[in-house]
Amino acid sequence: MPTREEMAENRFLKPIAHRFLSPELWRFTRRSVPRGVALGLFAAFIVPIGQIFLAAFMALPARANVPLAALVTFVTNPFTLPFWLFFANRTGHVVLNLDAAVGAGAGRLAEDTGALAGWLEVGGVTAFGFLVLALVSAAVGYLAAGFVWRFLVARRREKRLERMEARLDERLGEESE
């Protein structure tokens, strides 16, 4: 993960580096964390190259956590790309329901236009699948990050209250003696 200073020194980011150095974009808060997760997942599935920069740029106006948005984009990487390509293609087929809608007309189209039409269909279905994955994963990621954040904060608060209660019990025990 690049640090704030490394991002400020990047030649592509220098013109807007002062915006990236804003401390509010690097804090983990209950609002910035879910936004960062959602933007990172969206950027991971919407573009094949430059996902980290896209997530960082989208984090600026959304006031999302920049490091988290950049980190979440690694859900799609060269090792997982074949899986995501297959999954996006299947998702596109299911959502568009191409097999039932096109039916016998697909055979005639392939004969008329050759293999190019087949490749365009596969590419278009896969691209649409990635769009669906980007939107759905961003929404699910936002909700999941919000729930995890609330759970963690509630657990920390509960432990803090238990410690405070234990200290209070100790003090009351000392005073009664």
N, C-alpha and C. Protein backbone atom coordinates (compact mmCIF):
# COMPACT_ATOMS: atom_id res chain seq x y z
N MET A 1 0.84 -1.19 0.00
CA MET A 1 0.00 0.00 0.00
C MET A 1 0.88 1.24 0.00
N PRO A 2 0.58 2.15 -0.89
CA PRO A 2 1.35 3.41 -0.88
C PRO A 2 0.95 4.27 0.32
N THR A 3 1.92 4.96 0.86
CA THR A 3 1.65 5.86 1.97
C THR A 3 1.15 7.20 1.42
N ARG A 4 0.73 8.06 2.33
CA ARG A 4 0.26 9.39 1.91
C ARG A 4 1.37 10.15 1.19
N GLU A 5 2.59 10.03 1.71
CA GLU A 5 3.71 10.76 1.14
C GLU A 5 4.06 10.23 -0.25
N GLU A 6 4.01 8.90 -0.43
CA GLU A 6 4.30 8.32 -1.75
C GLU A 6 3.25 8.76 -2.78
N MET A 7 2.02 8.83 -2.36
CA MET A 7 0.97 9.29 -3.27
C MET A 7 1.17 10.76 -3.62
N ALA A 8 1.64 11.53 -2.65
CA ALA A 8 1.86 12.96 -2.90
C ALA A 8 3.00 13.18 -3.89
N GLU A 9 3.97 12.27 -3.91
CA GLU A 9 5.11 12.39 -4.81
C GLU A 9 4.86 11.78 -6.19
N ASN A 10 3.77 11.08 -6.37
CA ASN A 10 3.45 10.47 -7.66
C ASN A 10 3.23 11.56 -8.69
N ARG A 11 3.85 11.41 -9.86
CA ARG A 11 3.78 12.47 -10.87
C ARG A 11 2.37 12.67 -11.41
N PHE A 12 1.56 11.63 -11.42
CA PHE A 12 0.19 11.76 -11.92
C PHE A 12 -0.72 12.44 -10.89
N LEU A 13 -0.38 12.27 -9.64
CA LEU A 13 -1.22 12.80 -8.56
C LEU A 13 -0.76 14.15 -8.03
N LYS A 14 0.43 14.60 -8.42
CA LYS A 14 0.95 15.86 -7.88
C LYS A 14 0.00 17.04 -7.99
N PRO A 15 -0.71 17.22 -9.13
CA PRO A 15 -1.60 18.38 -9.22
C PRO A 15 -2.72 18.38 -8.18
N ILE A 16 -3.11 17.23 -7.73
CA ILE A 16 -4.20 17.18 -6.73
C ILE A 16 -3.74 16.54 -5.43
N ALA A 17 -2.43 16.48 -5.22
CA ALA A 17 -1.88 15.83 -4.03
C ALA A 17 -2.37 16.48 -2.74
N HIS A 18 -2.58 17.79 -2.77
CA HIS A 18 -3.03 18.47 -1.56
C HIS A 18 -4.38 17.94 -1.09
N ARG A 19 -5.19 17.47 -2.03
CA ARG A 19 -6.48 16.89 -1.64
C ARG A 19 -6.30 15.51 -1.03
N PHE A 20 -5.31 14.74 -1.53
CA PHE A 20 -5.07 13.41 -0.98
C PHE A 20 -4.46 13.46 0.41
N LEU A 21 -3.80 14.55 0.72
CA LEU A 21 -3.15 14.66 2.02
C LEU A 21 -4.11 15.07 3.12
N SER A 22 -5.35 15.31 2.78
CA SER A 22 -6.33 15.67 3.79
C SER A 22 -6.50 14.52 4.78
N PRO A 23 -6.33 14.79 6.07
CA PRO A 23 -6.38 13.71 7.07
C PRO A 23 -7.73 12.97 7.12
N GLU A 24 -8.81 13.65 6.77
CA GLU A 24 -10.11 12.99 6.85
C GLU A 24 -10.25 11.82 5.87
N LEU A 25 -9.44 11.82 4.81
CA LEU A 25 -9.48 10.73 3.84
C LEU A 25 -8.67 9.52 4.28
N TRP A 26 -7.91 9.66 5.35
CA TRP A 26 -7.06 8.57 5.82
C TRP A 26 -7.52 8.03 7.17
N ARG A 27 -8.57 8.59 7.73
CA ARG A 27 -9.10 8.12 9.01
C ARG A 27 -10.11 7.00 8.79
N PHE A 28 -10.21 6.14 9.77
CA PHE A 28 -11.21 5.07 9.74
C PHE A 28 -12.39 5.52 10.60
N THR A 29 -13.46 5.93 9.93
CA THR A 29 -14.66 6.36 10.64
C THR A 29 -15.84 5.52 10.18
N ARG A 30 -16.94 5.66 10.88
CA ARG A 30 -18.10 4.83 10.56
C ARG A 30 -18.70 5.16 9.21
N ARG A 31 -18.43 6.33 8.69
CA ARG A 31 -18.94 6.69 7.36
C ARG A 31 -17.92 6.44 6.26
N SER A 32 -16.65 6.68 6.54
CA SER A 32 -15.63 6.56 5.48
C SER A 32 -15.28 5.11 5.17
N VAL A 33 -15.39 4.22 6.13
CA VAL A 33 -15.03 2.82 5.90
C VAL A 33 -16.01 2.14 4.93
N PRO A 34 -17.32 2.19 5.16
CA PRO A 34 -18.21 1.57 4.17
C PRO A 34 -18.12 2.21 2.78
N ARG A 35 -17.92 3.51 2.75
CA ARG A 35 -17.76 4.18 1.46
C ARG A 35 -16.51 3.69 0.74
N GLY A 36 -15.43 3.55 1.47
CA GLY A 36 -14.18 3.06 0.88
C GLY A 36 -14.32 1.64 0.35
N VAL A 37 -14.98 0.78 1.11
CA VAL A 37 -15.19 -0.60 0.66
C VAL A 37 -16.04 -0.62 -0.60
N ALA A 38 -17.12 0.14 -0.61
CA ALA A 38 -18.02 0.15 -1.77
C ALA A 38 -17.30 0.69 -3.01
N LEU A 39 -16.57 1.78 -2.87
CA LEU A 39 -15.86 2.35 -4.02
C LEU A 39 -14.75 1.42 -4.51
N GLY A 40 -14.06 0.77 -3.58
CA GLY A 40 -13.01 -0.17 -3.97
C GLY A 40 -13.57 -1.36 -4.74
N LEU A 41 -14.69 -1.90 -4.29
CA LEU A 41 -15.30 -3.03 -4.99
C LEU A 41 -15.84 -2.60 -6.36
N PHE A 42 -16.43 -1.42 -6.41
CA PHE A 42 -16.94 -0.93 -7.68
C PHE A 42 -15.80 -0.77 -8.69
N ALA A 43 -14.71 -0.14 -8.25
CA ALA A 43 -13.57 0.08 -9.14
C ALA A 43 -12.91 -1.23 -9.53
N ALA A 44 -12.92 -2.20 -8.63
CA ALA A 44 -12.28 -3.48 -8.92
C ALA A 44 -12.95 -4.20 -10.08
N PHE A 45 -14.26 -4.09 -10.17
CA PHE A 45 -14.98 -4.82 -11.21
C PHE A 45 -15.28 -3.98 -12.44
N ILE A 46 -15.26 -2.67 -12.35
CA ILE A 46 -15.69 -1.84 -13.47
C ILE A 46 -14.57 -1.63 -14.50
N VAL A 47 -13.31 -1.57 -14.07
CA VAL A 47 -12.21 -1.38 -15.02
C VAL A 47 -11.15 -2.46 -14.79
N PRO A 48 -10.56 -2.95 -15.86
CA PRO A 48 -9.55 -4.00 -15.70
C PRO A 48 -8.16 -3.48 -15.31
N ILE A 49 -7.86 -2.22 -15.64
CA ILE A 49 -6.52 -1.67 -15.36
C ILE A 49 -6.69 -0.31 -14.68
N GLY A 50 -5.85 -0.03 -13.71
CA GLY A 50 -5.89 1.26 -13.03
C GLY A 50 -6.97 1.35 -11.97
N GLN A 51 -7.29 0.22 -11.37
CA GLN A 51 -8.37 0.20 -10.39
C GLN A 51 -8.03 1.02 -9.14
N ILE A 52 -6.79 0.96 -8.71
CA ILE A 52 -6.41 1.66 -7.49
C ILE A 52 -6.56 3.17 -7.68
N PHE A 53 -6.11 3.67 -8.82
CA PHE A 53 -6.22 5.11 -9.08
C PHE A 53 -7.69 5.53 -9.20
N LEU A 54 -8.50 4.71 -9.86
CA LEU A 54 -9.92 5.03 -9.97
C LEU A 54 -10.57 5.07 -8.60
N ALA A 55 -10.27 4.09 -7.76
CA ALA A 55 -10.84 4.06 -6.42
C ALA A 55 -10.39 5.28 -5.61
N ALA A 56 -9.13 5.64 -5.73
CA ALA A 56 -8.62 6.81 -4.99
C ALA A 56 -9.27 8.09 -5.48
N PHE A 57 -9.43 8.25 -6.79
CA PHE A 57 -10.07 9.45 -7.32
C PHE A 57 -11.54 9.53 -6.93
N MET A 58 -12.23 8.40 -6.93
CA MET A 58 -13.63 8.40 -6.53
C MET A 58 -13.79 8.64 -5.02
N ALA A 59 -12.76 8.30 -4.25
CA ALA A 59 -12.82 8.49 -2.80
C ALA A 59 -12.77 9.97 -2.42
N LEU A 60 -12.18 10.79 -3.27
CA LEU A 60 -12.07 12.22 -2.94
C LEU A 60 -13.43 12.89 -2.77
N PRO A 61 -14.28 12.91 -3.78
CA PRO A 61 -15.56 13.60 -3.60
C PRO A 61 -16.50 12.86 -2.65
N ALA A 62 -16.32 11.55 -2.52
CA ALA A 62 -17.20 10.78 -1.63
C ALA A 62 -16.74 10.83 -0.18
N ARG A 63 -15.58 11.41 0.08
CA ARG A 63 -14.98 11.47 1.41
C ARG A 63 -14.88 10.08 2.02
N ALA A 64 -14.41 9.15 1.21
CA ALA A 64 -14.24 7.77 1.64
C ALA A 64 -12.79 7.55 2.07
N ASN A 65 -12.55 6.46 2.75
CA ASN A 65 -11.23 6.11 3.21
C ASN A 65 -10.40 5.66 2.01
N VAL A 66 -9.37 6.42 1.66
CA VAL A 66 -8.57 6.16 0.46
C VAL A 66 -7.78 4.86 0.56
N PRO A 67 -7.06 4.59 1.66
CA PRO A 67 -6.29 3.34 1.70
C PRO A 67 -7.18 2.10 1.62
N LEU A 68 -8.32 2.16 2.26
CA LEU A 68 -9.23 1.01 2.23
C LEU A 68 -9.82 0.82 0.84
N ALA A 69 -10.17 1.91 0.18
CA ALA A 69 -10.70 1.82 -1.19
C ALA A 69 -9.65 1.21 -2.11
N ALA A 70 -8.40 1.62 -1.96
CA ALA A 70 -7.33 1.07 -2.79
C ALA A 70 -7.06 -0.40 -2.46
N LEU A 71 -7.11 -0.75 -1.20
CA LEU A 71 -6.83 -2.13 -0.78
C LEU A 71 -7.90 -3.10 -1.27
N VAL A 72 -9.14 -2.70 -1.23
CA VAL A 72 -10.24 -3.58 -1.61
C VAL A 72 -10.22 -3.91 -3.10
N THR A 73 -9.58 -3.06 -3.90
CA THR A 73 -9.53 -3.35 -5.34
C THR A 73 -8.75 -4.62 -5.65
N PHE A 74 -7.95 -5.09 -4.71
CA PHE A 74 -7.16 -6.30 -4.96
C PHE A 74 -8.00 -7.57 -4.94
N VAL A 75 -9.30 -7.45 -4.77
CA VAL A 75 -10.17 -8.63 -4.87
C VAL A 75 -10.10 -9.18 -6.30
N THR A 76 -9.88 -8.30 -7.27
CA THR A 76 -9.62 -8.75 -8.64
C THR A 76 -8.14 -8.51 -8.91
N ASN A 77 -7.42 -9.58 -9.15
CA ASN A 77 -6.00 -9.50 -9.43
C ASN A 77 -5.68 -10.52 -10.52
N PRO A 78 -4.47 -10.55 -11.03
CA PRO A 78 -4.17 -11.49 -12.12
C PRO A 78 -4.43 -12.96 -11.79
N PHE A 79 -4.34 -13.32 -10.52
CA PHE A 79 -4.58 -14.72 -10.14
C PHE A 79 -6.06 -15.07 -10.11
N THR A 80 -6.90 -14.11 -9.74
CA THR A 80 -8.33 -14.37 -9.65
C THR A 80 -9.10 -13.96 -10.90
N LEU A 81 -8.41 -13.32 -11.85
CA LEU A 81 -9.10 -12.83 -13.05
C LEU A 81 -9.82 -13.92 -13.84
N PRO A 82 -9.23 -15.11 -14.06
CA PRO A 82 -9.99 -16.13 -14.80
C PRO A 82 -11.31 -16.50 -14.12
N PHE A 83 -11.28 -16.62 -12.80
CA PHE A 83 -12.51 -16.91 -12.06
C PHE A 83 -13.54 -15.80 -12.27
N TRP A 84 -13.10 -14.54 -12.14
CA TRP A 84 -14.04 -13.42 -12.27
C TRP A 84 -14.56 -13.28 -13.70
N LEU A 85 -13.72 -13.59 -14.69
CA LEU A 85 -14.19 -13.56 -16.08
C LEU A 85 -15.30 -14.58 -16.29
N PHE A 86 -15.07 -15.79 -15.81
CA PHE A 86 -16.09 -16.83 -15.94
C PHE A 86 -17.36 -16.45 -15.18
N PHE A 87 -17.19 -15.96 -13.95
CA PHE A 87 -18.34 -15.58 -13.13
C PHE A 87 -19.10 -14.41 -13.75
N ALA A 88 -18.40 -13.44 -14.31
CA ALA A 88 -19.05 -12.30 -14.95
C ALA A 88 -19.80 -12.75 -16.20
N ASN A 89 -19.23 -13.68 -16.95
CA ASN A 89 -19.90 -14.19 -18.13
C ASN A 89 -21.18 -14.93 -17.75
N ARG A 90 -21.09 -15.76 -16.74
CA ARG A 90 -22.28 -16.50 -16.27
C ARG A 90 -23.33 -15.53 -15.72
N THR A 91 -22.87 -14.52 -14.99
CA THR A 91 -23.80 -13.53 -14.44
C THR A 91 -24.50 -12.77 -15.57
N GLY A 92 -23.73 -12.38 -16.58
CA GLY A 92 -24.32 -11.69 -17.73
C GLY A 92 -25.34 -12.55 -18.44
N HIS A 93 -25.04 -13.83 -18.60
CA HIS A 93 -26.00 -14.74 -19.24
C HIS A 93 -27.27 -14.87 -18.42
N VAL A 94 -27.12 -15.00 -17.11
CA VAL A 94 -28.30 -15.17 -16.25
C VAL A 94 -29.15 -13.91 -16.25
N VAL A 95 -28.51 -12.76 -16.10
CA VAL A 95 -29.27 -11.51 -16.03
C VAL A 95 -29.94 -11.19 -17.36
N LEU A 96 -29.20 -11.38 -18.43
CA LEU A 96 -29.76 -11.07 -19.75
C LEU A 96 -30.64 -12.21 -20.28
N ASN A 97 -30.48 -13.40 -19.72
CA ASN A 97 -31.25 -14.57 -20.13
C ASN A 97 -31.15 -14.75 -21.65
N LEU A 98 -29.91 -14.74 -22.14
CA LEU A 98 -29.67 -14.77 -23.58
C LEU A 98 -30.09 -16.07 -24.24
N ASP A 99 -29.88 -17.17 -23.57
CA ASP A 99 -30.19 -18.44 -24.20
C ASP A 99 -31.66 -18.54 -24.58
N ALA A 100 -32.54 -18.10 -23.71
CA ALA A 100 -33.97 -18.18 -23.99
C ALA A 100 -34.42 -17.07 -24.93
N ALA A 101 -33.83 -15.89 -24.78
CA ALA A 101 -34.28 -14.75 -25.59
C ALA A 101 -33.82 -14.86 -27.04
N VAL A 102 -32.59 -15.30 -27.25
CA VAL A 102 -32.04 -15.34 -28.59
C VAL A 102 -32.51 -16.60 -29.31
N GLY A 103 -32.41 -17.73 -28.64
CA GLY A 103 -32.89 -18.99 -29.19
C GLY A 103 -32.25 -19.35 -30.51
N ALA A 104 -33.08 -19.70 -31.50
CA ALA A 104 -32.59 -20.19 -32.80
C ALA A 104 -31.99 -19.07 -33.63
N GLY A 105 -32.31 -17.83 -33.35
CA GLY A 105 -31.78 -16.71 -34.12
C GLY A 105 -30.27 -16.57 -33.98
N ALA A 106 -29.70 -17.08 -32.89
CA ALA A 106 -28.26 -16.98 -32.69
C ALA A 106 -27.50 -17.79 -33.72
N GLY A 107 -28.03 -18.93 -34.07
CA GLY A 107 -27.37 -19.76 -35.09
C GLY A 107 -27.31 -19.05 -36.43
N ARG A 108 -28.40 -18.43 -36.84
CA ARG A 108 -28.42 -17.69 -38.10
C ARG A 108 -27.48 -16.50 -38.06
N LEU A 109 -27.45 -15.80 -36.93
CA LEU A 109 -26.57 -14.63 -36.81
C LEU A 109 -25.11 -15.05 -36.91
N ALA A 110 -24.75 -16.14 -36.25
CA ALA A 110 -23.37 -16.62 -36.31
C ALA A 110 -22.98 -17.02 -37.72
N GLU A 111 -23.91 -17.63 -38.46
CA GLU A 111 -23.62 -18.03 -39.84
C GLU A 111 -23.45 -16.80 -40.73
N ASP A 112 -24.27 -15.78 -40.50
CA ASP A 112 -24.23 -14.60 -41.35
C ASP A 112 -23.00 -13.73 -41.11
N THR A 113 -22.64 -13.53 -39.88
CA THR A 113 -21.57 -12.58 -39.57
C THR A 113 -20.26 -13.24 -39.20
N GLY A 114 -20.24 -14.51 -39.06
CA GLY A 114 -19.00 -15.21 -38.76
C GLY A 114 -18.68 -15.23 -37.28
N ALA A 115 -17.42 -15.52 -37.00
CA ALA A 115 -16.98 -15.68 -35.61
C ALA A 115 -16.93 -14.37 -34.85
N LEU A 116 -16.85 -13.25 -35.55
CA LEU A 116 -16.78 -11.95 -34.88
C LEU A 116 -18.01 -11.71 -34.02
N ALA A 117 -19.17 -12.07 -34.52
CA ALA A 117 -20.40 -11.88 -33.75
C ALA A 117 -20.38 -12.71 -32.47
N GLY A 118 -19.84 -13.91 -32.56
CA GLY A 118 -19.74 -14.76 -31.37
C GLY A 118 -18.85 -14.14 -30.31
N TRP A 119 -17.71 -13.60 -30.76
CA TRP A 119 -16.80 -12.96 -29.81
C TRP A 119 -17.41 -11.69 -29.21
N LEU A 120 -18.11 -10.92 -30.04
CA LEU A 120 -18.75 -9.70 -29.53
C LEU A 120 -19.84 -10.04 -28.53
N GLU A 121 -20.56 -11.12 -28.79
CA GLU A 121 -21.61 -11.51 -27.86
C GLU A 121 -21.01 -11.92 -26.52
N VAL A 122 -19.95 -12.73 -26.57
CA VAL A 122 -19.30 -13.18 -25.33
C VAL A 122 -18.71 -11.98 -24.59
N GLY A 123 -18.05 -11.10 -25.32
CA GLY A 123 -17.45 -9.92 -24.69
C GLY A 123 -18.50 -8.99 -24.11
N GLY A 124 -19.58 -8.79 -24.83
CA GLY A 124 -20.65 -7.91 -24.34
C GLY A 124 -21.34 -8.48 -23.11
N VAL A 125 -21.57 -9.79 -23.14
CA VAL A 125 -22.21 -10.43 -21.99
C VAL A 125 -21.29 -10.36 -20.78
N THR A 126 -20.00 -10.60 -20.99
CA THR A 126 -19.04 -10.54 -19.89
C THR A 126 -18.93 -9.12 -19.35
N ALA A 127 -18.89 -8.12 -20.22
CA ALA A 127 -18.81 -6.73 -19.77
C ALA A 127 -20.06 -6.35 -18.97
N PHE A 128 -21.22 -6.80 -19.44
CA PHE A 128 -22.44 -6.52 -18.69
C PHE A 128 -22.41 -7.25 -17.35
N GLY A 129 -21.87 -8.46 -17.33
CA GLY A 129 -21.73 -9.19 -16.07
C GLY A 129 -20.83 -8.45 -15.09
N PHE A 130 -19.73 -7.86 -15.59
CA PHE A 130 -18.86 -7.08 -14.72
C PHE A 130 -19.58 -5.84 -14.19
N LEU A 131 -20.40 -5.22 -15.00
CA LEU A 131 -21.18 -4.06 -14.54
C LEU A 131 -22.13 -4.48 -13.41
N VAL A 132 -22.79 -5.60 -13.59
CA VAL A 132 -23.70 -6.11 -12.55
C VAL A 132 -22.90 -6.44 -11.29
N LEU A 133 -21.75 -7.12 -11.45
CA LEU A 133 -20.92 -7.45 -10.29
C LEU A 133 -20.43 -6.20 -9.57
N ALA A 134 -20.07 -5.16 -10.34
CA ALA A 134 -19.59 -3.91 -9.73
C ALA A 134 -20.68 -3.27 -8.88
N LEU A 135 -21.89 -3.20 -9.42
CA LEU A 135 -22.98 -2.56 -8.68
C LEU A 135 -23.41 -3.37 -7.47
N VAL A 136 -23.57 -4.67 -7.66
CA VAL A 136 -24.04 -5.53 -6.56
C VAL A 136 -22.98 -5.65 -5.47
N SER A 137 -21.71 -5.86 -5.86
CA SER A 137 -20.66 -6.00 -4.85
C SER A 137 -20.46 -4.70 -4.08
N ALA A 138 -20.61 -3.55 -4.74
CA ALA A 138 -20.48 -2.27 -4.04
C ALA A 138 -21.59 -2.11 -3.00
N ALA A 139 -22.81 -2.47 -3.37
CA ALA A 139 -23.93 -2.36 -2.42
C ALA A 139 -23.76 -3.33 -1.26
N VAL A 140 -23.42 -4.57 -1.56
CA VAL A 140 -23.24 -5.57 -0.50
C VAL A 140 -22.05 -5.21 0.37
N GLY A 141 -20.96 -4.75 -0.25
CA GLY A 141 -19.78 -4.34 0.51
C GLY A 141 -20.06 -3.18 1.44
N TYR A 142 -20.86 -2.21 0.98
CA TYR A 142 -21.22 -1.08 1.82
C TYR A 142 -22.00 -1.54 3.05
N LEU A 143 -23.00 -2.38 2.81
CA LEU A 143 -23.82 -2.87 3.92
C LEU A 143 -23.01 -3.75 4.87
N ALA A 144 -22.20 -4.65 4.32
CA ALA A 144 -21.39 -5.54 5.16
C ALA A 144 -20.38 -4.75 5.98
N ALA A 145 -19.71 -3.78 5.37
CA ALA A 145 -18.73 -2.98 6.11
C ALA A 145 -19.41 -2.17 7.21
N GLY A 146 -20.60 -1.68 6.95
CA GLY A 146 -21.34 -0.96 7.98
C GLY A 146 -21.70 -1.85 9.16
N PHE A 147 -22.15 -3.06 8.87
CA PHE A 147 -22.49 -3.99 9.95
C PHE A 147 -21.26 -4.43 10.73
N VAL A 148 -20.16 -4.73 10.03
CA VAL A 148 -18.93 -5.13 10.70
C VAL A 148 -18.41 -3.98 11.55
N TRP A 149 -18.46 -2.76 11.03
CA TRP A 149 -18.01 -1.60 11.80
C TRP A 149 -18.83 -1.45 13.07
N ARG A 150 -20.15 -1.54 12.97
CA ARG A 150 -21.00 -1.42 14.15
C ARG A 150 -20.72 -2.52 15.16
N PHE A 151 -20.51 -3.75 14.66
CA PHE A 151 -20.21 -4.87 15.55
C PHE A 151 -18.92 -4.63 16.30
N LEU A 152 -17.87 -4.20 15.59
CA LEU A 152 -16.58 -3.97 16.23
C LEU A 152 -16.64 -2.84 17.25
N VAL A 153 -17.33 -1.77 16.89
CA VAL A 153 -17.45 -0.64 17.82
C VAL A 153 -18.26 -1.05 19.05
N ALA A 154 -19.32 -1.79 18.84
CA ALA A 154 -20.13 -2.25 19.98
C ALA A 154 -19.33 -3.17 20.89
N ARG A 155 -18.52 -4.04 20.30
CA ARG A 155 -17.70 -4.95 21.10
C ARG A 155 -16.65 -4.19 21.91
N ARG A 156 -16.01 -3.19 21.27
CA ARG A 156 -15.03 -2.37 22.00
C ARG A 156 -15.69 -1.61 23.14
N ARG A 157 -16.86 -1.08 22.88
CA ARG A 157 -17.56 -0.32 23.91
C ARG A 157 -17.96 -1.22 25.06
N GLU A 158 -18.41 -2.42 24.74
CA GLU A 158 -18.80 -3.37 25.78
C GLU A 158 -17.60 -3.74 26.66
N LYS A 159 -16.45 -3.97 26.05
CA LYS A 159 -15.25 -4.28 26.82
C LYS A 159 -14.81 -3.10 27.68
N ARG A 160 -14.91 -1.89 27.11
CA ARG A 160 -14.54 -0.70 27.87
C ARG A 160 -15.46 -0.52 29.07
N LEU A 161 -16.76 -0.75 28.87
CA LEU A 161 -17.71 -0.64 29.98
C LEU A 161 -17.45 -1.70 31.04
N GLU A 162 -17.08 -2.90 30.62
CA GLU A 162 -16.75 -3.95 31.59
C GLU A 162 -15.52 -3.57 32.41
N ARG A 163 -14.50 -2.99 31.76
CA ARG A 163 -13.31 -2.56 32.48
C ARG A 163 -13.65 -1.44 33.46
N MET A 164 -14.48 -0.49 33.02
CA MET A 164 -14.87 0.61 33.90
C MET A 164 -15.66 0.09 35.09
N GLU A 165 -16.54 -0.87 34.83
CA GLU A 165 -17.35 -1.46 35.91
C GLU A 165 -16.46 -2.22 36.89
N ALA A 166 -15.45 -2.92 36.39
CA ALA A 166 -14.53 -3.65 37.26
C ALA A 166 -13.74 -2.67 38.13
N ARG A 167 -13.28 -1.56 37.53
CA ARG A 167 -12.57 -0.55 38.33
C ARG A 167 -13.47 0.06 39.39
N LEU A 168 -14.71 0.32 39.02
CA LEU A 168 -15.66 0.88 39.98
C LEU A 168 -15.91 -0.10 41.13
N ASP A 169 -16.04 -1.37 40.81
CA ASP A 169 -16.23 -2.38 41.84
C ASP A 169 -15.02 -2.45 42.76
N GLU A 170 -13.79 -2.34 42.20
CA GLU A 170 -12.58 -2.33 43.02
C GLU A 170 -12.58 -1.14 43.97
N ARG A 171 -12.92 0.03 43.46
CA ARG A 171 -12.92 1.23 44.30
C ARG A 171 -13.96 1.13 45.40
N LEU A 172 -15.14 0.64 45.05
CA LEU A 172 -16.17 0.49 46.07
C LEU A 172 -15.78 -0.55 47.10
N GLY A 173 -15.08 -1.59 46.68
CA GLY A 173 -14.60 -2.62 47.60
C GLY A 173 -13.56 -2.06 48.54
N GLU A 174 -12.65 -1.20 48.05
CA GLU A 174 -11.61 -0.59 48.86
C GLU A 174 -12.21 0.39 49.87
N GLU A 175 -13.23 1.14 49.44
CA GLU A 175 -13.84 2.12 50.33
C GLU A 175 -14.64 1.47 51.44
N SER A 176 -15.20 0.30 51.19
CA SER A 176 -16.01 -0.37 52.21
C SER A 176 -15.14 -1.03 53.28
N GLU A 177 -13.87 -1.25 52.99
CA GLU A 177 -13.00 -1.88 53.97
C GLU A 177 -12.51 -0.95 54.98
